[in-house]
Structure formats: C-alpha cells, structure tokens
Amino acid sequence: MKRTKDAAGNSGKESAKNHNGKESGRKKYLLRLYVTGQTPRSVKSVENLKRFCEQHLKGQYDMEVIDIYQQPALASENQIIAAPTLIKSLPLPLRRLVGDFSNADRVLVGLDLKIA
C-alpha cells in the first residue's frame, strides 16, 4: 500500500485548516486507487489521477494507491472487480470510478465536482 500526500504535504488524517489553525470549511477528499501492479495502464492511471487532483483538489485530498496483486484481501473486501478502480469514500456519498482517468470531465462528474 502506498500512501500519498497532497501537494501541501497534508495526509488524510489531518483536517483542512487555515493559516490560523482553524477549520477552513473545505471538503477533504479521501481517495483509494486500486491498481494491478506496475502495468502501463496502472502507471498511467496513477499519473492522470495525481495530475487531476493537483489541478482540481489541491490541498484537499489524500490518495492511497493499493496494488491488488500485493493486497488481494483489500480488493476482495471492497468488491473490486476491475482495475484501475477509484473509490471516493469522503466526502459522502461514496463513489466508484473505473478507468484510466484521462477524461477530466468524467472524473469531475464522478467525484461530484461538476454536475453532468
């Protein structure tokens, strides 16, 4: 399991705070990306999703990359039947997206950042 932090260096366990240390009211996105090893499609998916998050969710996300070959129990537990699969668990509602995340409009809609 690989845990990544957003560009500000924040992890998902920290809440979004402003420069005074108070809650800023911004939503924190908790994302889990399930991939199949280091295949070209997996690598492309990770790169596309990181780029998307830096453009649209900068300072508001925590992304965890899970290799389903190394951690099949997590894939089974979360009912992953295709990869790459992204699960957005926070903010609610939970959303699942499958693909390489190269279509930014589709990802915006899938993460509830834009109305279809």
Protein backbone atom coordinates (compact mmCIF):
# COMPACT_ATOMS: atom_id res chain seq x y z
CA MET A 1 0.00 0.00 0.00
CA LYS A 2 1.38 3.36 -0.99
CA ARG A 3 0.09 6.47 0.75
CA THR A 4 0.50 9.77 -0.97
CA LYS A 5 0.03 13.22 0.39
CA ASP A 6 -1.35 16.24 -1.33
CA ALA A 7 0.96 18.99 -2.57
CA ALA A 8 0.75 20.82 0.74
CA GLY A 9 2.10 17.71 2.48
CA ASN A 10 -1.16 17.03 4.31
CA SER A 11 -2.26 13.50 4.99
CA GLY A 12 -5.88 12.35 5.14
CA LYS A 13 -5.87 12.14 8.92
CA GLU A 14 -5.37 15.88 9.20
CA SER A 15 -8.28 18.23 8.75
CA ALA A 16 -8.14 21.14 6.35
CA LYS A 17 -7.04 24.13 8.42
CA ASN A 18 -6.38 27.71 7.52
CA HIS A 19 -3.24 29.64 8.50
CA ASN A 20 -4.71 30.30 11.97
CA GLY A 21 -5.11 26.57 12.63
CA LYS A 22 -8.91 26.73 12.46
CA GLU A 23 -11.13 24.58 10.29
CA SER A 24 -11.37 26.14 6.85
CA GLY A 25 -14.68 24.53 5.84
CA ARG A 26 -13.14 22.94 2.71
CA LYS A 27 -14.05 19.35 1.96
CA LYS A 28 -11.31 16.77 2.34
CA TYR A 29 -11.36 14.04 -0.31
CA LEU A 30 -10.31 10.55 0.73
CA LEU A 31 -9.42 8.55 -2.39
CA ARG A 32 -8.30 4.93 -2.79
CA LEU A 33 -6.99 3.81 -6.15
CA TYR A 34 -6.82 0.06 -6.78
CA VAL A 35 -4.32 -0.94 -9.49
CA THR A 36 -2.82 -4.13 -10.90
CA GLY A 37 0.91 -3.88 -10.27
CA GLN A 38 3.09 -1.62 -12.39
CA THR A 39 1.36 -2.23 -15.72
CA PRO A 40 1.34 0.67 -18.20
CA ARG A 41 -2.39 1.18 -17.56
CA SER A 42 -1.85 1.29 -13.79
CA VAL A 43 1.03 3.75 -14.07
CA LYS A 44 -0.98 5.96 -16.43
CA SER A 45 -3.96 5.89 -14.07
CA VAL A 46 -1.86 6.97 -11.08
CA GLU A 47 -0.23 9.78 -13.08
CA ASN A 48 -3.56 11.00 -14.50
CA LEU A 49 -5.27 10.95 -11.12
CA LYS A 50 -2.42 12.78 -9.36
CA ARG A 51 -2.43 15.44 -12.09
CA PHE A 52 -6.22 15.79 -11.81
CA CYS A 53 -6.10 16.10 -8.02
CA GLU A 54 -3.37 18.76 -8.14
CA GLN A 55 -5.44 20.78 -10.62
CA HIS A 56 -8.85 20.42 -9.00
CA LEU A 57 -8.36 19.37 -5.36
CA LYS A 58 -5.02 20.92 -4.41
CA GLY A 59 -4.58 20.76 -0.63
CA GLN A 60 -7.89 18.91 -0.19
CA TYR A 61 -7.15 15.26 -0.83
CA ASP A 62 -5.44 12.16 0.47
CA MET A 63 -4.84 9.41 -2.07
CA GLU A 64 -3.87 5.86 -1.30
CA VAL A 65 -2.68 3.55 -4.09
CA ILE A 66 -3.33 -0.14 -3.47
CA ASP A 67 -1.83 -2.88 -5.62
CA ILE A 68 -4.43 -5.64 -5.70
CA TYR A 69 -1.74 -8.24 -6.52
CA GLN A 70 0.03 -7.44 -3.24
CA GLN A 71 -3.12 -6.93 -1.16
CA PRO A 72 -5.88 -9.12 -2.63
CA ALA A 73 -7.81 -9.12 0.65
CA LEU A 74 -8.38 -5.36 0.38
CA ALA A 75 -9.63 -5.77 -3.17
CA SER A 76 -12.00 -8.52 -2.10
CA GLU A 77 -13.18 -6.60 0.95
CA ASN A 78 -14.03 -3.57 -1.20
CA GLN A 79 -15.54 -5.68 -4.00
CA ILE A 80 -13.06 -4.56 -6.65
CA ILE A 81 -13.88 -6.43 -9.87
CA ALA A 82 -11.95 -4.27 -12.34
CA ALA A 83 -8.79 -2.22 -12.17
CA PRO A 84 -7.91 0.54 -12.05
CA THR A 85 -10.79 1.46 -9.75
CA LEU A 86 -11.03 4.64 -7.70
CA ILE A 87 -13.16 4.77 -4.57
CA LYS A 88 -14.01 8.18 -3.12
CA SER A 89 -15.09 7.49 0.45
CA LEU A 90 -15.13 11.10 1.65
CA PRO A 91 -16.97 13.35 1.29
CA LEU A 92 -20.10 11.25 1.09
CA PRO A 93 -21.69 9.79 -0.94
CA LEU A 94 -19.24 7.04 -1.76
CA ARG A 95 -18.36 6.93 -5.47
CA ARG A 96 -16.57 4.38 -7.66
CA LEU A 97 -14.87 5.16 -10.96
CA VAL A 98 -13.20 2.67 -13.27
CA GLY A 99 -10.73 3.60 -15.99
CA ASP A 100 -7.50 5.50 -16.58
CA PHE A 101 -8.88 8.92 -15.52
CA SER A 102 -7.72 10.59 -18.73
CA ASN A 103 -11.14 12.21 -19.27
CA ALA A 104 -11.16 15.09 -16.77
CA ASP A 105 -14.87 15.87 -17.31
CA ARG A 106 -15.81 12.29 -16.48
CA VAL A 107 -13.70 12.42 -13.31
CA LEU A 108 -15.22 15.79 -12.30
CA VAL A 109 -18.72 14.32 -12.61
CA GLY A 110 -17.69 11.06 -10.94
CA LEU A 111 -16.31 12.86 -7.90
CA ASP A 112 -19.33 15.18 -7.68
CA LEU A 113 -17.25 18.23 -8.52
CA LYS A 114 -19.38 19.04 -11.57
CA ILE A 115 -23.00 18.34 -12.42
CA ALA A 116 -23.47 16.20 -15.56
